[in-house]
Amino acid sequence: MSDPTVQGVFTDGTATISGQPTPADAKALADTINLGALPLKLTEKYTQSVGATLGKKSLEETLLAGIIASVAIFVFMVVFYRLPGVIAGFCLLVFVWLLIAVFWLMGATLTLPGIAAFVLGIGIAVDSNIITAERIKDEIRTGKSIASSLRSGNKNSFRTIIDAHITNIIAGAVLYFIGQGSVKGFAVVLLASIICNIATNIFLPRYLMHLLVKSGKFNKVGYYGVKESEIRAL
């Protein structure tokens, strides 16, 4: 505050600061130095206390729940959506590792609310794939070719998915700027999940599906969870 220079040895436990232009400046400097000793009243805003054993157990159980949920989601996608489900599962793995890499670059610590937001991000990613896969199935049922159904399904689902992501971003931003403590941590992970999800579960699955359809080896409607009878019924 004053850029002092030591001009002697302190032998009696006291010191004198000189060189202030006016007594008012000297008093202001003294008040600043004594700021930590002022009788200020503190108001508690947030407190969280978790024992080491309980915290470790909660973390392990939360991680286990996340792994079980992820496996169940992958099985569901493959059973109901066949090839698009396999692509979705691969993109989910890319999403998880990309999000972990983002956390590592941020130097973030993954707390229990953060893990909850992480799993929620997986759910949002799966929802994006389900919307696209259902739109593709609807187009196939109308009698269109696989390539045409892929283009139409991707086009018709894009705006719906983006709108849903924008609303989630708005909600996450509000939680981040207004929330405190673990709520803010939840919002950070949620926002990072949505951004990674846009890259890995909107654009990447479309690109991979386009490559597979273009190869000409996956042109049977059964690969997309549609039965021949459903097309003939129309």
C-alpha atoms as a PDB file:
ATOM      1  CA  MET A   1       0.000   0.000   0.000  1.00  0.00           C
ATOM      2  CA  SER A   2       2.860   2.385   0.740  1.00  0.00           C
ATOM      3  CA  ASP A   3       5.906   0.784  -0.935  1.00  0.00           C
ATOM      4  CA  PRO A   4       8.016   1.107   2.244  1.00  0.00           C
ATOM      5  CA  THR A   5      11.781   0.924   2.537  1.00  0.00           C
ATOM      6  CA  VAL A   6      13.366  -0.516   5.722  1.00  0.00           C
ATOM      7  CA  GLN A   7      15.825   2.033   7.112  1.00  0.00           C
ATOM      8  CA  GLY A   8      16.902   0.348  10.322  1.00  0.00           C
ATOM      9  CA  VAL A   9      16.815  -2.698  12.603  1.00  0.00           C
ATOM     10  CA  PHE A  10      13.720  -3.332  14.743  1.00  0.00           C
ATOM     11  CA  THR A  11      15.049  -3.943  18.240  1.00  0.00           C
ATOM     12  CA  ASP A  12      12.170  -3.035  20.576  1.00  0.00           C
ATOM     13  CA  GLY A  13       9.207  -4.549  18.716  1.00  0.00           C
ATOM     14  CA  THR A  14       7.918  -1.225  17.385  1.00  0.00           C
ATOM     15  CA  ALA A  15       8.297   0.575  14.078  1.00  0.00           C
ATOM     16  CA  THR A  16       7.491   3.991  12.649  1.00  0.00           C
ATOM     17  CA  ILE A  17       6.279   4.688   9.114  1.00  0.00           C
ATOM     18  CA  SER A  18       7.268   8.095   7.814  1.00  0.00           C
ATOM     19  CA  GLY A  19       7.013   9.953   4.552  1.00  0.00           C
ATOM     20  CA  GLN A  20       3.249  10.530   4.323  1.00  0.00           C
ATOM     21  CA  PRO A  21       2.355  13.922   2.791  1.00  0.00           C
ATOM     22  CA  THR A  22      -0.381  14.837   5.299  1.00  0.00           C
ATOM     23  CA  PRO A  23      -1.776  13.533   8.603  1.00  0.00           C
ATOM     24  CA  ALA A  24      -4.949  12.501   6.750  1.00  0.00           C
ATOM     25  CA  ASP A  25      -2.880  10.297   4.404  1.00  0.00           C
ATOM     26  CA  ALA A  26      -1.097   8.772   7.392  1.00  0.00           C
ATOM     27  CA  LYS A  27      -4.419   8.030   9.121  1.00  0.00           C
ATOM     28  CA  ALA A  28      -5.846   6.470   5.929  1.00  0.00           C
ATOM     29  CA  LEU A  29      -2.790   4.225   5.647  1.00  0.00           C
ATOM     30  CA  ALA A  30      -3.082   3.222   9.310  1.00  0.00           C
ATOM     31  CA  ASP A  31      -6.755   2.396   8.853  1.00  0.00           C
ATOM     32  CA  THR A  32      -5.915   0.235   5.833  1.00  0.00           C
ATOM     33  CA  ILE A  33      -3.207  -1.641   7.735  1.00  0.00           C
ATOM     34  CA  ASN A  34      -5.584  -2.224  10.680  1.00  0.00           C
ATOM     35  CA  LEU A  35      -8.468  -3.319   8.465  1.00  0.00           C
ATOM     36  CA  GLY A  36      -8.135  -6.931   9.568  1.00  0.00           C
ATOM     37  CA  ALA A  37      -8.608  -5.911  13.197  1.00  0.00           C
ATOM     38  CA  LEU A  38     -11.883  -4.042  12.670  1.00  0.00           C
ATOM     39  CA  PRO A  39     -14.946  -5.539  14.461  1.00  0.00           C
ATOM     40  CA  LEU A  40     -16.771  -6.650  11.304  1.00  0.00           C
ATOM     41  CA  LYS A  41     -19.811  -8.926  11.534  1.00  0.00           C
ATOM     42  CA  LEU A  42     -19.710 -11.920   9.204  1.00  0.00           C
ATOM     43  CA  THR A  43     -22.858 -13.527   7.781  1.00  0.00           C
ATOM     44  CA  GLU A  44     -22.740 -17.199   6.817  1.00  0.00           C
ATOM     45  CA  LYS A  45     -23.856 -17.726   3.216  1.00  0.00           C
ATOM     46  CA  TYR A  46     -23.116 -21.397   2.570  1.00  0.00           C
ATOM     47  CA  THR A  47     -21.755 -24.342   4.555  1.00  0.00           C
ATOM     48  CA  GLN A  48     -21.258 -27.963   3.583  1.00  0.00           C
ATOM     49  CA  SER A  49     -19.585 -30.579   5.703  1.00  0.00           C
ATOM     50  CA  VAL A  50     -19.120 -34.203   4.648  1.00  0.00           C
ATOM     51  CA  GLY A  51     -17.039 -36.750   6.509  1.00  0.00           C
ATOM     52  CA  ALA A  52     -14.194 -38.430   4.637  1.00  0.00           C
ATOM     53  CA  THR A  53     -15.707 -41.930   4.807  1.00  0.00           C
ATOM     54  CA  LEU A  54     -19.219 -40.798   3.900  1.00  0.00           C
ATOM     55  CA  GLY A  55     -17.940 -38.632   1.048  1.00  0.00           C
ATOM     56  CA  LYS A  56     -15.892 -41.471  -0.436  1.00  0.00           C
ATOM     57  CA  LYS A  57     -18.813 -43.901  -0.209  1.00  0.00           C
ATOM     58  CA  SER A  58     -21.189 -41.405  -1.807  1.00  0.00           C
ATOM     59  CA  LEU A  59     -18.733 -40.779  -4.642  1.00  0.00           C
ATOM     60  CA  GLU A  60     -18.278 -44.501  -5.297  1.00  0.00           C
ATOM     61  CA  GLU A  61     -22.021 -45.182  -5.277  1.00  0.00           C
ATOM     62  CA  THR A  62     -22.710 -42.221  -7.572  1.00  0.00           C
ATOM     63  CA  LEU A  63     -20.063 -43.379 -10.055  1.00  0.00           C
ATOM     64  CA  LEU A  64     -21.503 -46.910  -9.966  1.00  0.00           C
ATOM     65  CA  ALA A  65     -24.991 -45.549 -10.630  1.00  0.00           C
ATOM     66  CA  GLY A  66     -23.650 -43.547 -13.559  1.00  0.00           C
ATOM     67  CA  ILE A  67     -21.935 -46.597 -15.078  1.00  0.00           C
ATOM     68  CA  ILE A  68     -25.065 -48.762 -14.713  1.00  0.00           C
ATOM     69  CA  ALA A  69     -27.233 -46.045 -16.254  1.00  0.00           C
ATOM     70  CA  SER A  70     -24.821 -45.652 -19.180  1.00  0.00           C
ATOM     71  CA  VAL A  71     -24.763 -49.405 -19.902  1.00  0.00           C
ATOM     72  CA  ALA A  72     -28.561 -49.615 -19.702  1.00  0.00           C
ATOM     73  CA  ILE A  73     -28.870 -46.680 -22.107  1.00  0.00           C
ATOM     74  CA  PHE A  74     -26.488 -48.302 -24.592  1.00  0.00           C
ATOM     75  CA  VAL A  75     -28.411 -51.596 -24.522  1.00  0.00           C
ATOM     76  CA  PHE A  76     -31.698 -49.738 -24.993  1.00  0.00           C
ATOM     77  CA  MET A  77     -30.379 -47.839 -28.009  1.00  0.00           C
ATOM     78  CA  VAL A  78     -29.026 -50.960 -29.724  1.00  0.00           C
ATOM     79  CA  VAL A  79     -32.197 -53.005 -29.126  1.00  0.00           C
ATOM     80  CA  PHE A  80     -34.662 -50.366 -30.312  1.00  0.00           C
ATOM     81  CA  TYR A  81     -32.692 -48.520 -32.986  1.00  0.00           C
ATOM     82  CA  ARG A  82     -30.195 -51.102 -34.286  1.00  0.00           C
ATOM     83  CA  LEU A  83     -27.554 -49.381 -36.461  1.00  0.00           C
ATOM     84  CA  PRO A  84     -28.367 -45.808 -35.334  1.00  0.00           C
ATOM     85  CA  GLY A  85     -28.236 -47.134 -31.765  1.00  0.00           C
ATOM     86  CA  VAL A  86     -24.739 -48.539 -32.299  1.00  0.00           C
ATOM     87  CA  ILE A  87     -23.616 -45.234 -33.777  1.00  0.00           C
ATOM     88  CA  ALA A  88     -25.199 -43.426 -30.822  1.00  0.00           C
ATOM     89  CA  GLY A  89     -23.344 -45.674 -28.367  1.00  0.00           C
ATOM     90  CA  PHE A  90     -20.019 -44.955 -30.070  1.00  0.00           C
ATOM     91  CA  CYS A  91     -20.729 -41.215 -30.056  1.00  0.00           C
ATOM     92  CA  LEU A  92     -21.627 -41.412 -26.358  1.00  0.00           C
ATOM     93  CA  LEU A  93     -18.199 -42.882 -25.625  1.00  0.00           C
ATOM     94  CA  VAL A  94     -16.584 -40.059 -27.589  1.00  0.00           C
ATOM     95  CA  PHE A  95     -18.761 -37.600 -25.664  1.00  0.00           C
ATOM     96  CA  VAL A  96     -17.700 -38.999 -22.278  1.00  0.00           C
ATOM     97  CA  TRP A  97     -13.976 -38.931 -23.061  1.00  0.00           C
ATOM     98  CA  LEU A  98     -14.187 -35.469 -24.602  1.00  0.00           C
ATOM     99  CA  LEU A  99     -15.984 -34.154 -21.521  1.00  0.00           C
ATOM    100  CA  ILE A 100     -13.374 -35.743 -19.238  1.00  0.00           C
ATOM    101  CA  ALA A 101     -10.656 -34.080 -21.333  1.00  0.00           C
ATOM    102  CA  VAL A 102     -12.413 -30.722 -20.941  1.00  0.00           C
ATOM    103  CA  PHE A 103     -12.528 -31.193 -17.153  1.00  0.00           C
ATOM    104  CA  TRP A 104      -8.827 -32.063 -17.150  1.00  0.00           C
ATOM    105  CA  LEU A 105      -7.950 -28.945 -19.150  1.00  0.00           C
ATOM    106  CA  MET A 106     -10.097 -26.819 -16.803  1.00  0.00           C
ATOM    107  CA  GLY A 107      -8.481 -28.370 -13.732  1.00  0.00           C
ATOM    108  CA  ALA A 108     -12.001 -29.015 -12.422  1.00  0.00           C
ATOM    109  CA  THR A 109     -12.854 -31.273  -9.480  1.00  0.00           C
ATOM    110  CA  LEU A 110     -15.812 -33.570 -10.123  1.00  0.00           C
ATOM    111  CA  THR A 111     -18.146 -33.358  -7.119  1.00  0.00           C
ATOM    112  CA  LEU A 112     -21.372 -35.288  -6.481  1.00  0.00           C
ATOM    113  CA  PRO A 113     -23.530 -32.578  -8.133  1.00  0.00           C
ATOM    114  CA  GLY A 114     -21.020 -32.558 -10.996  1.00  0.00           C
ATOM    115  CA  ILE A 115     -21.411 -36.308 -11.491  1.00  0.00           C
ATOM    116  CA  ALA A 116     -25.195 -35.854 -11.488  1.00  0.00           C
ATOM    117  CA  ALA A 117     -24.854 -33.202 -14.198  1.00  0.00           C
ATOM    118  CA  PHE A 118     -22.496 -35.530 -16.071  1.00  0.00           C
ATOM    119  CA  VAL A 119     -25.105 -38.317 -16.144  1.00  0.00           C
ATOM    120  CA  LEU A 120     -27.780 -35.788 -17.068  1.00  0.00           C
ATOM    121  CA  GLY A 121     -25.586 -34.741 -19.998  1.00  0.00           C
ATOM    122  CA  ILE A 122     -25.524 -38.362 -21.165  1.00  0.00           C
ATOM    123  CA  GLY A 123     -29.318 -38.399 -21.009  1.00  0.00           C
ATOM    124  CA  ILE A 124     -29.487 -35.227 -23.102  1.00  0.00           C
ATOM    125  CA  ALA A 125     -27.095 -36.764 -25.624  1.00  0.00           C
ATOM    126  CA  VAL A 126     -29.213 -39.918 -25.876  1.00  0.00           C
ATOM    127  CA  ASP A 127     -32.331 -37.812 -26.325  1.00  0.00           C
ATOM    128  CA  SER A 128     -30.719 -36.099 -29.310  1.00  0.00           C
ATOM    129  CA  ASN A 129     -29.965 -39.459 -30.921  1.00  0.00           C
ATOM    130  CA  ILE A 130     -33.456 -40.807 -30.214  1.00  0.00           C
ATOM    131  CA  ILE A 131     -35.142 -37.828 -31.861  1.00  0.00           C
ATOM    132  CA  THR A 132     -33.009 -38.228 -34.980  1.00  0.00           C
ATOM    133  CA  ALA A 133     -33.432 -42.010 -35.110  1.00  0.00           C
ATOM    134  CA  GLU A 134     -37.211 -41.757 -34.760  1.00  0.00           C
ATOM    135  CA  ARG A 135     -37.417 -39.178 -37.531  1.00  0.00           C
ATOM    136  CA  ILE A 136     -35.371 -41.448 -39.803  1.00  0.00           C
ATOM    137  CA  LYS A 137     -37.648 -44.399 -39.003  1.00  0.00           C
ATOM    138  CA  ASP A 138     -40.722 -42.294 -39.814  1.00  0.00           C
ATOM    139  CA  GLU A 139     -39.248 -41.354 -43.181  1.00  0.00           C
ATOM    140  CA  ILE A 140     -38.424 -45.004 -43.970  1.00  0.00           C
ATOM    141  CA  ARG A 141     -41.989 -46.044 -43.150  1.00  0.00           C
ATOM    142  CA  THR A 142     -43.265 -43.664 -45.846  1.00  0.00           C
ATOM    143  CA  GLY A 143     -41.427 -45.712 -48.476  1.00  0.00           C
ATOM    144  CA  LYS A 144     -38.431 -43.457 -49.066  1.00  0.00           C
ATOM    145  CA  SER A 145     -34.971 -44.859 -49.714  1.00  0.00           C
ATOM    146  CA  ILE A 146     -32.505 -45.148 -46.844  1.00  0.00           C
ATOM    147  CA  ALA A 147     -30.370 -42.269 -48.147  1.00  0.00           C
ATOM    148  CA  SER A 148     -33.389 -40.016 -48.637  1.00  0.00           C
ATOM    149  CA  SER A 149     -34.789 -40.959 -45.226  1.00  0.00           C
ATOM    150  CA  LEU A 150     -31.449 -40.151 -43.628  1.00  0.00           C
ATOM    151  CA  ARG A 151     -31.338 -36.687 -45.188  1.00  0.00           C
ATOM    152  CA  SER A 152     -34.955 -35.883 -44.341  1.00  0.00           C
ATOM    153  CA  GLY A 153     -34.745 -37.268 -40.811  1.00  0.00           C
ATOM    154  CA  ASN A 154     -31.603 -35.314 -40.018  1.00  0.00           C
ATOM    155  CA  LYS A 155     -33.051 -32.131 -41.471  1.00  0.00           C
ATOM    156  CA  ASN A 156     -36.393 -32.389 -39.674  1.00  0.00           C
ATOM    157  CA  SER A 157     -34.852 -33.214 -36.295  1.00  0.00           C
ATOM    158  CA  PHE A 158     -32.087 -30.611 -36.323  1.00  0.00           C
ATOM    159  CA  ARG A 159     -34.154 -27.592 -35.273  1.00  0.00           C
ATOM    160  CA  THR A 160     -35.928 -29.507 -32.515  1.00  0.00           C
ATOM    161  CA  ILE A 161     -32.645 -30.705 -31.033  1.00  0.00           C
ATOM    162  CA  ILE A 162     -30.956 -27.307 -31.247  1.00  0.00           C
ATOM    163  CA  ASP A 163     -33.950 -25.596 -29.625  1.00  0.00           C
ATOM    164  CA  ALA A 164     -33.816 -28.078 -26.746  1.00  0.00           C
ATOM    165  CA  HIS A 165     -30.095 -27.453 -26.277  1.00  0.00           C
ATOM    166  CA  ILE A 166     -30.576 -23.678 -26.278  1.00  0.00           C
ATOM    167  CA  THR A 167     -33.171 -23.923 -23.498  1.00  0.00           C
ATOM    168  CA  ASN A 168     -30.789 -26.112 -21.469  1.00  0.00           C
ATOM    169  CA  ILE A 169     -27.983 -23.588 -21.990  1.00  0.00           C
ATOM    170  CA  ILE A 170     -30.243 -20.792 -20.739  1.00  0.00           C
ATOM    171  CA  ALA A 171     -31.193 -22.809 -17.654  1.00  0.00           C
ATOM    172  CA  GLY A 172     -27.559 -23.691 -16.968  1.00  0.00           C
ATOM    173  CA  ALA A 173     -26.462 -20.063 -17.363  1.00  0.00           C
ATOM    174  CA  VAL A 174     -29.101 -18.900 -14.867  1.00  0.00           C
ATOM    175  CA  LEU A 175     -27.980 -21.537 -12.352  1.00  0.00           C
ATOM    176  CA  TYR A 176     -24.346 -20.481 -12.798  1.00  0.00           C
ATOM    177  CA  PHE A 177     -24.828 -16.730 -12.346  1.00  0.00           C
ATOM    178  CA  ILE A 178     -27.424 -16.903  -9.576  1.00  0.00           C
ATOM    179  CA  GLY A 179     -26.630 -20.189  -7.813  1.00  0.00           C
ATOM    180  CA  GLN A 180     -24.047 -20.740  -5.108  1.00  0.00           C
ATOM    181  CA  GLY A 181     -21.745 -23.585  -4.088  1.00  0.00           C
ATOM    182  CA  SER A 182     -22.664 -26.989  -5.481  1.00  0.00           C
ATOM    183  CA  VAL A 183     -25.422 -25.474  -7.638  1.00  0.00           C
ATOM    184  CA  LYS A 184     -22.843 -23.454  -9.554  1.00  0.00           C
ATOM    185  CA  GLY A 185     -20.678 -26.572  -9.955  1.00  0.00           C
ATOM    186  CA  PHE A 186     -23.677 -28.447 -11.331  1.00  0.00           C
ATOM    187  CA  ALA A 187     -24.257 -25.625 -13.831  1.00  0.00           C
ATOM    188  CA  VAL A 188     -20.633 -25.650 -15.034  1.00  0.00           C
ATOM    189  CA  VAL A 189     -20.703 -29.380 -15.770  1.00  0.00           C
ATOM    190  CA  LEU A 190     -24.132 -29.087 -17.409  1.00  0.00           C
ATOM    191  CA  LEU A 191     -22.994 -26.302 -19.741  1.00  0.00           C
ATOM    192  CA  ALA A 192     -19.816 -28.173 -20.671  1.00  0.00           C
ATOM    193  CA  SER A 193     -21.899 -31.303 -21.335  1.00  0.00           C
ATOM    194  CA  ILE A 194     -24.268 -29.458 -23.666  1.00  0.00           C
ATOM    195  CA  ILE A 195     -21.434 -27.905 -25.677  1.00  0.00           C
ATOM    196  CA  CYS A 196     -19.656 -31.265 -26.049  1.00  0.00           C
ATOM    197  CA  ASN A 197     -22.984 -32.900 -26.875  1.00  0.00           C
ATOM    198  CA  ILE A 198     -23.592 -30.570 -29.806  1.00  0.00           C
ATOM    199  CA  ALA A 199     -20.299 -31.664 -31.363  1.00  0.00           C
ATOM    200  CA  THR A 200     -20.409 -35.381 -30.581  1.00  0.00           C
ATOM    201  CA  ASN A 201     -24.105 -36.274 -30.669  1.00  0.00           C
ATOM    202  CA  ILE A 202     -25.531 -33.993 -33.329  1.00  0.00           C
ATOM    203  CA  PHE A 203     -22.913 -33.584 -36.047  1.00  0.00           C
ATOM    204  CA  LEU A 204     -20.742 -36.682 -35.507  1.00  0.00           C
ATOM    205  CA  PRO A 205     -23.593 -39.284 -35.718  1.00  0.00           C
ATOM    206  CA  ARG A 206     -24.913 -37.662 -38.905  1.00  0.00           C
ATOM    207  CA  TYR A 207     -21.487 -37.831 -40.494  1.00  0.00           C
ATOM    208  CA  LEU A 208     -20.930 -41.478 -39.513  1.00  0.00           C
ATOM    209  CA  MET A 209     -24.435 -42.498 -40.664  1.00  0.00           C
ATOM    210  CA  HIS A 210     -23.834 -40.775 -43.984  1.00  0.00           C
ATOM    211  CA  LEU A 211     -20.607 -42.742 -44.473  1.00  0.00           C
ATOM    212  CA  LEU A 212     -22.284 -46.073 -43.657  1.00  0.00           C
ATOM    213  CA  VAL A 213     -25.258 -45.458 -45.963  1.00  0.00           C
ATOM    214  CA  LYS A 214     -22.969 -44.247 -48.725  1.00  0.00           C
ATOM    215  CA  SER A 215     -21.015 -47.527 -48.525  1.00  0.00           C
ATOM    216  CA  GLY A 216     -24.140 -49.368 -49.715  1.00  0.00           C
ATOM    217  CA  LYS A 217     -23.811 -52.173 -47.156  1.00  0.00           C
ATOM    218  CA  PHE A 218     -26.510 -50.985 -44.766  1.00  0.00           C
ATOM    219  CA  ASN A 219     -29.535 -50.415 -46.986  1.00  0.00           C
ATOM    220  CA  LYS A 220     -31.929 -52.876 -45.313  1.00  0.00           C
ATOM    221  CA  VAL A 221     -34.705 -51.270 -43.320  1.00  0.00           C
ATOM    222  CA  GLY A 222     -34.171 -53.822 -40.536  1.00  0.00           C
ATOM    223  CA  TYR A 223     -30.861 -52.164 -39.735  1.00  0.00           C
ATOM    224  CA  TYR A 224     -32.817 -49.092 -38.646  1.00  0.00           C
ATOM    225  CA  GLY A 225     -35.439 -50.798 -36.477  1.00  0.00           C
ATOM    226  CA  VAL A 226     -38.183 -50.772 -39.131  1.00  0.00           C
ATOM    227  CA  LYS A 227     -40.108 -53.852 -40.231  1.00  0.00           C
ATOM    228  CA  GLU A 228     -41.046 -54.521 -43.851  1.00  0.00           C
ATOM    229  CA  SER A 229     -44.681 -54.946 -42.792  1.00  0.00           C
ATOM    230  CA  GLU A 230     -44.739 -51.379 -41.443  1.00  0.00           C
ATOM    231  CA  ILE A 231     -43.870 -50.036 -44.895  1.00  0.00           C
ATOM    232  CA  ARG A 232     -46.337 -52.252 -46.732  1.00  0.00           C
ATOM    233  CA  ALA A 233     -49.095 -51.294 -44.281  1.00  0.00           C
ATOM    234  CA  LEU A 234     -48.837 -47.722 -45.464  1.00  0.00           C
END
